[in-house]
N, C-alpha and C. Protein backbone atom coordinates (compact mmCIF):
# COMPACT_ATOMS: atom_id res chain seq x y z
N MET A 1 -86.04 5.73 -40.12
CA MET A 1 -84.75 6.07 -39.76
C MET A 1 -84.94 6.68 -38.44
N THR A 2 -85.11 6.03 -37.47
CA THR A 2 -85.11 6.27 -36.37
C THR A 2 -83.70 7.42 -35.77
N SER A 3 -85.02 8.59 -34.85
CA SER A 3 -84.42 8.95 -33.77
C SER A 3 -82.49 8.50 -33.28
N LYS A 4 -82.72 7.26 -32.81
CA LYS A 4 -81.37 6.54 -32.69
C LYS A 4 -80.66 6.73 -33.70
N ASP A 5 -80.76 6.48 -34.48
CA ASP A 5 -79.88 6.32 -36.18
C ASP A 5 -79.34 7.76 -36.25
N HIS A 6 -80.76 8.46 -36.46
CA HIS A 6 -80.42 9.45 -36.69
C HIS A 6 -79.38 10.66 -35.84
N ALA A 7 -79.42 10.29 -34.85
CA ALA A 7 -78.55 11.08 -32.92
C ALA A 7 -76.92 10.49 -33.78
N ARG A 8 -76.79 10.00 -34.51
CA ARG A 8 -75.81 9.56 -35.36
C ARG A 8 -74.94 10.20 -36.36
N THR A 9 -76.08 10.83 -36.81
CA THR A 9 -75.35 12.02 -38.20
C THR A 9 -75.86 13.35 -38.40
N LEU A 10 -75.81 13.67 -37.00
CA LEU A 10 -76.60 15.43 -37.24
C LEU A 10 -76.36 16.02 -38.04
N CYS A 11 -77.00 16.48 -38.34
CA CYS A 11 -76.94 18.36 -38.96
C CYS A 11 -76.49 18.82 -38.51
N ALA A 12 -75.57 19.46 -38.24
CA ALA A 12 -75.52 20.55 -37.11
C ALA A 12 -75.06 21.78 -37.30
N VAL A 13 -75.01 22.66 -37.04
CA VAL A 13 -73.83 24.65 -37.19
C VAL A 13 -72.61 24.00 -36.36
N GLN A 14 -71.83 23.95 -37.55
CA GLN A 14 -70.36 23.62 -36.64
C GLN A 14 -69.78 25.37 -36.28
N GLY A 15 -69.39 25.33 -34.83
CA GLY A 15 -69.54 26.01 -33.29
C GLY A 15 -67.53 26.40 -33.85
N GLU A 16 -67.17 26.91 -32.93
CA GLU A 16 -65.64 27.51 -32.34
C GLU A 16 -64.92 26.15 -32.12
N ASN A 17 -65.78 25.30 -31.92
CA ASN A 17 -64.74 24.36 -30.86
C ASN A 17 -63.91 22.85 -31.96
N GLY A 18 -63.95 23.74 -33.06
CA GLY A 18 -63.27 22.59 -34.07
C GLY A 18 -63.98 21.88 -34.88
N GLY A 19 -65.26 21.63 -35.24
CA GLY A 19 -65.93 20.76 -36.08
C GLY A 19 -66.77 20.43 -35.13
N ASN A 20 -67.21 20.22 -33.63
CA ASN A 20 -67.98 19.73 -33.17
C ASN A 20 -69.52 20.10 -32.95
N PRO A 21 -70.27 18.86 -33.59
CA PRO A 21 -71.78 19.28 -33.59
C PRO A 21 -72.47 19.88 -32.71
N GLN A 22 -72.28 21.16 -32.01
CA GLN A 22 -72.21 21.70 -30.81
C GLN A 22 -72.25 23.50 -31.21
N ILE A 23 -73.53 23.93 -30.76
CA ILE A 23 -73.11 25.58 -31.12
C ILE A 23 -72.87 26.12 -30.10
N ASP A 24 -72.31 27.28 -29.63
CA ASP A 24 -72.55 27.84 -28.55
C ASP A 24 -73.87 28.89 -28.27
N CYS A 25 -74.19 28.41 -27.46
CA CYS A 25 -75.40 29.38 -27.67
C CYS A 25 -75.28 30.53 -26.56
N TRP A 26 -76.11 31.31 -26.28
CA TRP A 26 -75.98 32.26 -24.74
C TRP A 26 -75.74 32.55 -23.62
N GLY A 27 -74.86 32.84 -23.46
CA GLY A 27 -74.24 32.49 -21.79
C GLY A 27 -72.72 30.95 -22.04
N GLY A 28 -72.51 31.22 -22.53
CA GLY A 28 -72.05 29.35 -23.57
C GLY A 28 -72.46 28.00 -23.26
N GLN A 29 -73.73 28.09 -23.32
CA GLN A 29 -74.58 26.97 -22.92
C GLN A 29 -74.14 26.35 -24.53
N LYS A 30 -74.12 24.58 -24.11
CA LYS A 30 -74.22 23.82 -25.85
C LYS A 30 -75.01 23.47 -25.60
N MET A 31 -76.17 23.56 -27.52
CA MET A 31 -76.65 22.49 -27.86
C MET A 31 -76.09 22.04 -29.46
N ILE A 32 -76.91 20.65 -29.26
CA ILE A 32 -77.09 19.72 -30.15
C ILE A 32 -78.16 19.36 -30.10
N ILE A 33 -78.24 20.45 -31.91
CA ILE A 33 -79.45 20.42 -33.07
C ILE A 33 -79.27 19.70 -34.01
N ASP A 34 -80.47 19.04 -34.11
CA ASP A 34 -80.96 18.00 -35.51
C ASP A 34 -82.05 18.53 -36.27
N ALA A 35 -81.09 18.68 -37.68
CA ALA A 35 -81.60 20.17 -38.08
C ALA A 35 -82.36 18.87 -39.40
N HIS A 36 -82.65 18.19 -39.03
CA HIS A 36 -83.79 17.46 -40.38
C HIS A 36 -83.86 16.46 -39.69
N TYR A 37 -85.24 15.43 -39.55
CA TYR A 37 -85.92 15.29 -39.14
C TYR A 37 -87.12 14.44 -39.69
N HIS A 38 -87.88 13.18 -40.43
CA HIS A 38 -88.91 13.62 -40.98
C HIS A 38 -89.89 12.13 -39.36
N LEU A 39 -90.69 13.24 -38.94
CA LEU A 39 -91.31 12.34 -37.95
C LEU A 39 -92.90 11.44 -38.55
N ASP A 40 -92.58 10.30 -38.41
CA ASP A 40 -93.37 9.20 -38.55
C ASP A 40 -94.23 7.89 -37.51
N GLU A 41 -94.91 9.05 -36.81
CA GLU A 41 -95.47 8.03 -35.43
C GLU A 41 -95.95 6.42 -35.93
N ARG A 42 -96.10 6.38 -37.34
CA ARG A 42 -96.40 5.41 -37.49
C ARG A 42 -95.08 4.32 -37.04
N MET A 43 -93.81 4.90 -36.45
CA MET A 43 -92.60 4.52 -37.05
C MET A 43 -91.92 4.25 -35.51
N GLU A 44 -92.62 5.92 -34.41
CA GLU A 44 -91.87 6.14 -33.57
C GLU A 44 -92.55 6.95 -33.23
N THR A 45 -92.80 7.11 -31.45
CA THR A 45 -93.73 7.99 -31.26
C THR A 45 -93.22 9.43 -30.60
N VAL A 46 -93.91 10.14 -30.07
CA VAL A 46 -93.10 11.22 -30.18
C VAL A 46 -92.25 10.82 -28.16
N ASP A 47 -92.60 10.39 -27.71
CA ASP A 47 -92.61 9.79 -27.02
C ASP A 47 -91.09 9.37 -26.59
N MET A 48 -90.81 8.64 -27.82
CA MET A 48 -89.73 7.62 -28.01
C MET A 48 -89.31 8.61 -28.75
N LEU A 49 -89.03 9.19 -29.43
CA LEU A 49 -88.26 10.60 -30.03
C LEU A 49 -87.52 11.27 -28.86
N LEU A 50 -88.63 12.00 -28.41
CA LEU A 50 -87.95 12.58 -26.64
C LEU A 50 -86.95 11.54 -26.04
N ASP A 51 -87.32 10.60 -25.46
CA ASP A 51 -86.66 9.97 -25.06
C ASP A 51 -85.34 9.63 -25.66
N HIS A 52 -84.96 9.73 -26.68
CA HIS A 52 -84.08 9.31 -27.49
C HIS A 52 -83.14 10.66 -27.43
N MET A 53 -83.46 11.78 -27.53
CA MET A 53 -82.70 13.61 -27.58
C MET A 53 -82.48 13.08 -26.40
N ASN A 54 -83.20 12.96 -25.26
CA ASN A 54 -82.58 12.71 -23.79
C ASN A 54 -81.75 12.61 -23.82
N GLN A 55 -81.72 10.66 -24.24
CA GLN A 55 -80.21 10.04 -24.19
C GLN A 55 -78.77 10.51 -24.45
N TYR A 56 -79.11 11.07 -26.23
CA TYR A 56 -78.16 12.05 -26.76
C TYR A 56 -77.47 13.41 -26.73
N ASP A 57 -78.10 13.68 -25.52
CA ASP A 57 -78.46 15.22 -25.17
C ASP A 57 -78.78 15.77 -26.77
N ILE A 58 -79.65 15.73 -27.13
CA ILE A 58 -80.29 16.59 -28.35
C ILE A 58 -81.05 17.44 -27.44
N SER A 59 -80.66 18.79 -28.14
CA SER A 59 -81.75 20.23 -27.45
C SER A 59 -82.97 20.38 -27.94
N ARG A 60 -82.53 20.39 -29.83
CA ARG A 60 -83.87 20.60 -30.57
C ARG A 60 -83.95 20.04 -32.00
N VAL A 61 -85.23 20.06 -32.66
CA VAL A 61 -85.08 18.63 -33.59
C VAL A 61 -85.99 19.24 -34.55
N ALA A 62 -85.84 19.68 -35.85
CA ALA A 62 -86.11 20.41 -36.75
C ALA A 62 -87.24 19.36 -38.15
N LEU A 63 -88.28 19.10 -37.11
CA LEU A 63 -89.78 18.00 -37.40
C LEU A 63 -89.85 18.50 -39.16
N MET A 64 -89.97 17.66 -39.53
CA MET A 64 -90.33 17.61 -41.59
C MET A 64 -91.71 16.17 -41.21
N PRO A 65 -92.77 16.09 -41.46
CA PRO A 65 -93.71 15.49 -42.03
C PRO A 65 -92.99 14.13 -43.12
N PRO A 66 -93.86 12.85 -42.63
CA PRO A 66 -93.06 11.85 -44.04
C PRO A 66 -93.31 11.79 -45.01
N LEU A 67 -92.45 11.61 -46.03
CA LEU A 67 -92.66 11.87 -47.63
C LEU A 67 -93.21 10.44 -48.27
N ASN A 68 -93.36 9.24 -47.66
CA ASN A 68 -93.76 8.14 -48.14
C ASN A 68 -94.28 6.90 -46.58
N THR A 69 -94.44 6.12 -47.68
CA THR A 69 -95.48 5.28 -46.12
C THR A 69 -94.29 4.22 -45.71
N PRO A 70 -93.68 4.18 -44.98
CA PRO A 70 -92.27 3.53 -44.09
C PRO A 70 -92.21 2.25 -44.75
N PHE A 71 -91.14 1.78 -45.05
CA PHE A 71 -90.29 1.10 -45.74
C PHE A 71 -89.19 0.52 -44.70
N THR A 72 -89.09 -1.51 -44.98
CA THR A 72 -87.50 -1.77 -44.37
C THR A 72 -86.82 -1.50 -45.52
N ILE A 73 -85.59 -1.62 -45.23
CA ILE A 73 -84.23 -2.77 -47.05
C ILE A 73 -83.89 -3.35 -46.29
N ASP A 74 -83.51 -4.14 -46.76
CA ASP A 74 -82.62 -5.95 -46.33
C ASP A 74 -81.26 -5.14 -46.57
N TRP A 75 -80.46 -5.81 -45.93
CA TRP A 75 -78.80 -5.23 -45.58
C TRP A 75 -77.99 -5.11 -47.44
N LEU A 76 -78.41 -5.97 -48.30
CA LEU A 76 -77.49 -5.25 -49.17
C LEU A 76 -78.37 -4.42 -50.32
N THR A 77 -79.47 -3.92 -49.81
CA THR A 77 -79.77 -2.37 -50.56
C THR A 77 -78.98 -1.75 -49.59
N MET A 78 -79.11 -1.82 -47.99
CA MET A 78 -78.53 -0.68 -47.15
C MET A 78 -76.96 -0.47 -47.93
N LYS A 79 -76.32 -1.85 -48.04
CA LYS A 79 -74.95 -1.40 -48.38
C LYS A 79 -74.90 -0.72 -50.29
N SER A 80 -75.36 -1.24 -50.77
CA SER A 80 -75.86 -0.26 -51.94
C SER A 80 -76.27 1.00 -52.19
N THR A 81 -76.93 1.06 -51.17
CA THR A 81 -77.66 2.63 -50.78
C THR A 81 -75.74 3.53 -50.07
N GLY A 82 -75.28 3.11 -49.71
CA GLY A 82 -74.06 3.75 -49.09
C GLY A 82 -73.19 3.74 -49.78
N LEU A 83 -73.01 2.67 -50.87
CA LEU A 83 -71.57 2.57 -52.46
C LEU A 83 -72.67 4.11 -53.13
N PHE A 84 -73.83 4.66 -53.18
CA PHE A 84 -74.21 5.13 -54.10
C PHE A 84 -73.36 6.09 -53.70
N GLN A 85 -74.01 6.84 -52.32
CA GLN A 85 -74.07 8.04 -51.71
C GLN A 85 -72.50 7.97 -51.40
N ARG A 86 -71.49 7.34 -51.24
CA ARG A 86 -69.86 7.74 -51.06
C ARG A 86 -69.55 7.79 -53.28
N MET A 87 -70.31 7.36 -54.26
CA MET A 87 -69.70 7.63 -55.12
C MET A 87 -70.50 8.87 -55.72
N LEU A 88 -71.77 9.57 -55.17
CA LEU A 88 -71.67 11.09 -55.09
C LEU A 88 -70.74 12.05 -54.71
N ASN A 89 -70.33 11.74 -54.14
CA ASN A 89 -68.70 12.54 -53.53
C ASN A 89 -67.38 12.22 -53.65
N SER A 90 -67.54 11.56 -54.82
CA SER A 90 -66.11 10.59 -55.80
C SER A 90 -65.96 11.31 -57.06
N ARG A 91 -64.84 10.82 -57.39
CA ARG A 91 -64.66 11.09 -59.09
C ARG A 91 -65.51 9.98 -60.07
N TRP A 92 -66.88 9.46 -58.92
CA TRP A 92 -67.54 8.11 -59.39
C TRP A 92 -69.15 9.49 -59.97
N HIS A 93 -69.26 10.85 -59.32
CA HIS A 93 -69.99 11.19 -58.89
C HIS A 93 -71.23 10.91 -60.26
N LYS A 94 -70.54 11.18 -61.61
CA LYS A 94 -72.14 10.38 -62.71
C LYS A 94 -72.53 9.56 -62.34
N LEU A 95 -71.91 8.62 -62.21
CA LEU A 95 -72.58 7.02 -62.22
C LEU A 95 -73.33 7.10 -60.66
N GLY A 96 -73.41 7.41 -59.35
CA GLY A 96 -74.03 8.16 -58.40
C GLY A 96 -74.72 8.73 -58.78
N LEU A 97 -75.28 9.78 -59.43
CA LEU A 97 -75.78 10.32 -59.69
C LEU A 97 -76.65 9.03 -60.58
N ARG A 98 -77.21 8.81 -61.40
CA ARG A 98 -77.63 8.16 -62.67
C ARG A 98 -78.18 7.48 -61.40
N ILE A 99 -77.81 6.42 -60.43
CA ILE A 99 -78.44 5.19 -59.38
C ILE A 99 -79.66 5.90 -59.28
N TYR A 100 -79.05 7.02 -57.82
CA TYR A 100 -79.78 8.06 -57.71
C TYR A 100 -80.67 8.79 -58.29
N ARG A 101 -81.12 8.83 -59.42
CA ARG A 101 -82.32 9.28 -60.10
C ARG A 101 -82.87 8.30 -60.93
N SER A 102 -82.26 7.32 -60.40
CA SER A 102 -83.15 5.98 -60.42
C SER A 102 -84.55 5.09 -59.47
N THR A 103 -84.05 6.58 -58.26
CA THR A 103 -84.56 5.58 -57.74
C THR A 103 -86.24 6.33 -57.07
N VAL A 104 -86.54 7.47 -58.20
CA VAL A 104 -87.43 8.08 -57.94
C VAL A 104 -87.98 7.91 -59.31
N THR A 105 -89.13 7.66 -59.59
CA THR A 105 -89.84 7.21 -60.93
C THR A 105 -90.37 8.74 -61.56
N GLY A 106 -90.81 8.71 -62.64
CA GLY A 106 -91.38 9.60 -63.60
C GLY A 106 -93.44 9.90 -62.90
N ASP A 107 -93.60 8.60 -62.07
CA ASP A 107 -94.87 8.42 -62.01
C ASP A 107 -94.69 9.23 -60.46
N GLY A 108 -93.62 9.08 -60.03
CA GLY A 108 -93.84 9.91 -58.80
C GLY A 108 -93.62 8.46 -57.57
N LYS A 109 -93.35 8.04 -57.53
CA LYS A 109 -92.63 6.49 -56.75
C LYS A 109 -91.31 6.68 -56.33
N TYR A 110 -90.93 6.02 -55.15
CA TYR A 110 -89.95 6.07 -54.57
C TYR A 110 -89.24 4.47 -55.40
N VAL A 111 -88.30 3.86 -55.39
CA VAL A 111 -87.83 2.77 -55.62
C VAL A 111 -86.67 2.56 -54.72
N ILE A 112 -87.08 0.89 -53.87
CA ILE A 112 -85.80 0.80 -52.84
C ILE A 112 -86.22 -0.94 -53.44
N GLY A 113 -84.83 -1.26 -54.27
CA GLY A 113 -85.25 -2.53 -54.66
C GLY A 113 -85.70 -2.95 -55.54
N ALA A 114 -86.69 -3.95 -55.82
CA ALA A 114 -87.88 -4.01 -56.44
C ALA A 114 -88.94 -3.48 -56.30
N ARG A 115 -88.86 -2.67 -55.16
CA ARG A 115 -90.30 -2.14 -53.95
C ARG A 115 -90.64 -0.21 -54.78
N ARG A 116 -91.71 -0.32 -54.97
CA ARG A 116 -91.92 0.84 -55.23
C ARG A 116 -93.02 1.23 -54.35
N TYR A 117 -93.08 2.61 -53.68
CA TYR A 117 -93.65 2.91 -52.65
C TYR A 117 -93.72 4.70 -52.92
N PRO A 118 -94.96 5.18 -52.91
CA PRO A 118 -95.75 6.62 -53.45
C PRO A 118 -94.85 7.28 -52.74
N ILE A 119 -94.77 8.66 -53.29
CA ILE A 119 -94.57 9.76 -52.75
C ILE A 119 -95.60 10.72 -52.15
N TYR A 120 -95.66 11.29 -51.40
CA TYR A 120 -96.84 11.96 -50.63
C TYR A 120 -97.36 12.87 -51.47
N ASP A 121 -98.24 13.69 -52.14
CA ASP A 121 -98.56 14.90 -53.02
C ASP A 121 -98.28 15.60 -52.06
N ASN A 122 -99.30 15.53 -50.49
CA ASN A 122 -99.35 16.72 -49.38
C ASN A 122 -99.71 15.94 -48.24
N PRO A 123 -98.06 16.20 -47.87
CA PRO A 123 -97.05 15.36 -46.94
C PRO A 123 -98.27 16.36 -45.39
N ASP A 124 -98.58 15.56 -44.39
CA ASP A 124 -99.10 16.38 -43.07
C ASP A 124 -98.67 16.75 -42.22
N ASN A 125 -97.97 18.42 -42.77
CA ASN A 125 -97.84 19.22 -41.66
C ASN A 125 -98.91 19.37 -40.71
N GLU A 126 -100.20 19.09 -40.35
CA GLU A 126 -100.56 19.41 -39.40
C GLU A 126 -99.62 18.84 -37.89
N SER A 127 -99.93 17.61 -39.05
CA SER A 127 -99.42 16.37 -37.26
C SER A 127 -97.88 16.99 -37.11
N ILE A 128 -97.38 16.79 -37.65
CA ILE A 128 -96.14 18.24 -37.43
C ILE A 128 -96.23 19.61 -36.57
N ALA A 129 -97.63 19.97 -36.75
CA ALA A 129 -97.61 21.12 -35.83
C ALA A 129 -97.98 21.50 -34.57
N ARG A 130 -99.01 20.38 -34.11
CA ARG A 130 -99.89 19.62 -33.18
C ARG A 130 -98.55 19.01 -31.81
N VAL A 131 -97.05 18.73 -32.54
CA VAL A 131 -96.56 18.03 -32.18
C VAL A 131 -95.31 19.53 -31.71
N MET A 132 -95.07 20.05 -32.56
CA MET A 132 -94.38 21.48 -32.44
C MET A 132 -94.92 22.65 -31.31
N GLN A 133 -96.58 22.87 -31.12
CA GLN A 133 -97.22 22.60 -30.20
C GLN A 133 -96.94 22.46 -28.89
N ALA A 134 -97.49 21.31 -28.78
CA ALA A 134 -96.91 20.88 -27.68
C ALA A 134 -95.66 20.55 -26.79
N HIS A 135 -94.71 21.00 -27.70
CA HIS A 135 -93.11 20.52 -27.67
C HIS A 135 -92.19 22.28 -27.88
N PRO A 136 -92.45 23.26 -27.54
CA PRO A 136 -92.30 24.21 -28.59
C PRO A 136 -90.90 24.57 -28.18
N ASP A 137 -90.68 24.09 -26.41
CA ASP A 137 -88.63 24.43 -26.94
C ASP A 137 -88.34 22.98 -27.00
N LYS A 138 -88.33 22.12 -27.56
CA LYS A 138 -87.98 20.78 -27.93
C LYS A 138 -87.45 21.01 -29.91
N PHE A 139 -89.11 21.17 -30.45
CA PHE A 139 -88.93 21.39 -32.01
C PHE A 139 -89.42 22.89 -32.28
N SER A 140 -88.78 22.89 -33.89
CA SER A 140 -89.35 23.79 -35.01
C SER A 140 -89.66 22.69 -35.96
N GLY A 141 -90.23 23.31 -36.80
CA GLY A 141 -90.86 22.70 -38.16
C GLY A 141 -90.18 22.87 -39.60
């Protein structure tokens, strides 16, 4: 997921303004904070992320390293993923949970469609630390 897509699904603290994903900061200044973003520079560079942050008025992002290799999903997989996510929040929760659990194998692979991707045992936290150090006003980790 790119930052452009991620900007549409922000995880932010609710402010006093009726659930708007902005919080009041010191002096009444508004901030949008993306609280969960896996930065993978094989898919999106830091400069691209910063450009998207500026475009969507995102003030700060909490970065995490990628947990698996980049992958693409087809239209059918995207739709079925949305379906089981909705199931998790409905009376069909048990079925949605069963589908969700089927996406991770016992040997540490992430399954999407017919493909299996390894989940990293040791994610690259150093790359995130370097980005945070280069842009301390924009990123946390």
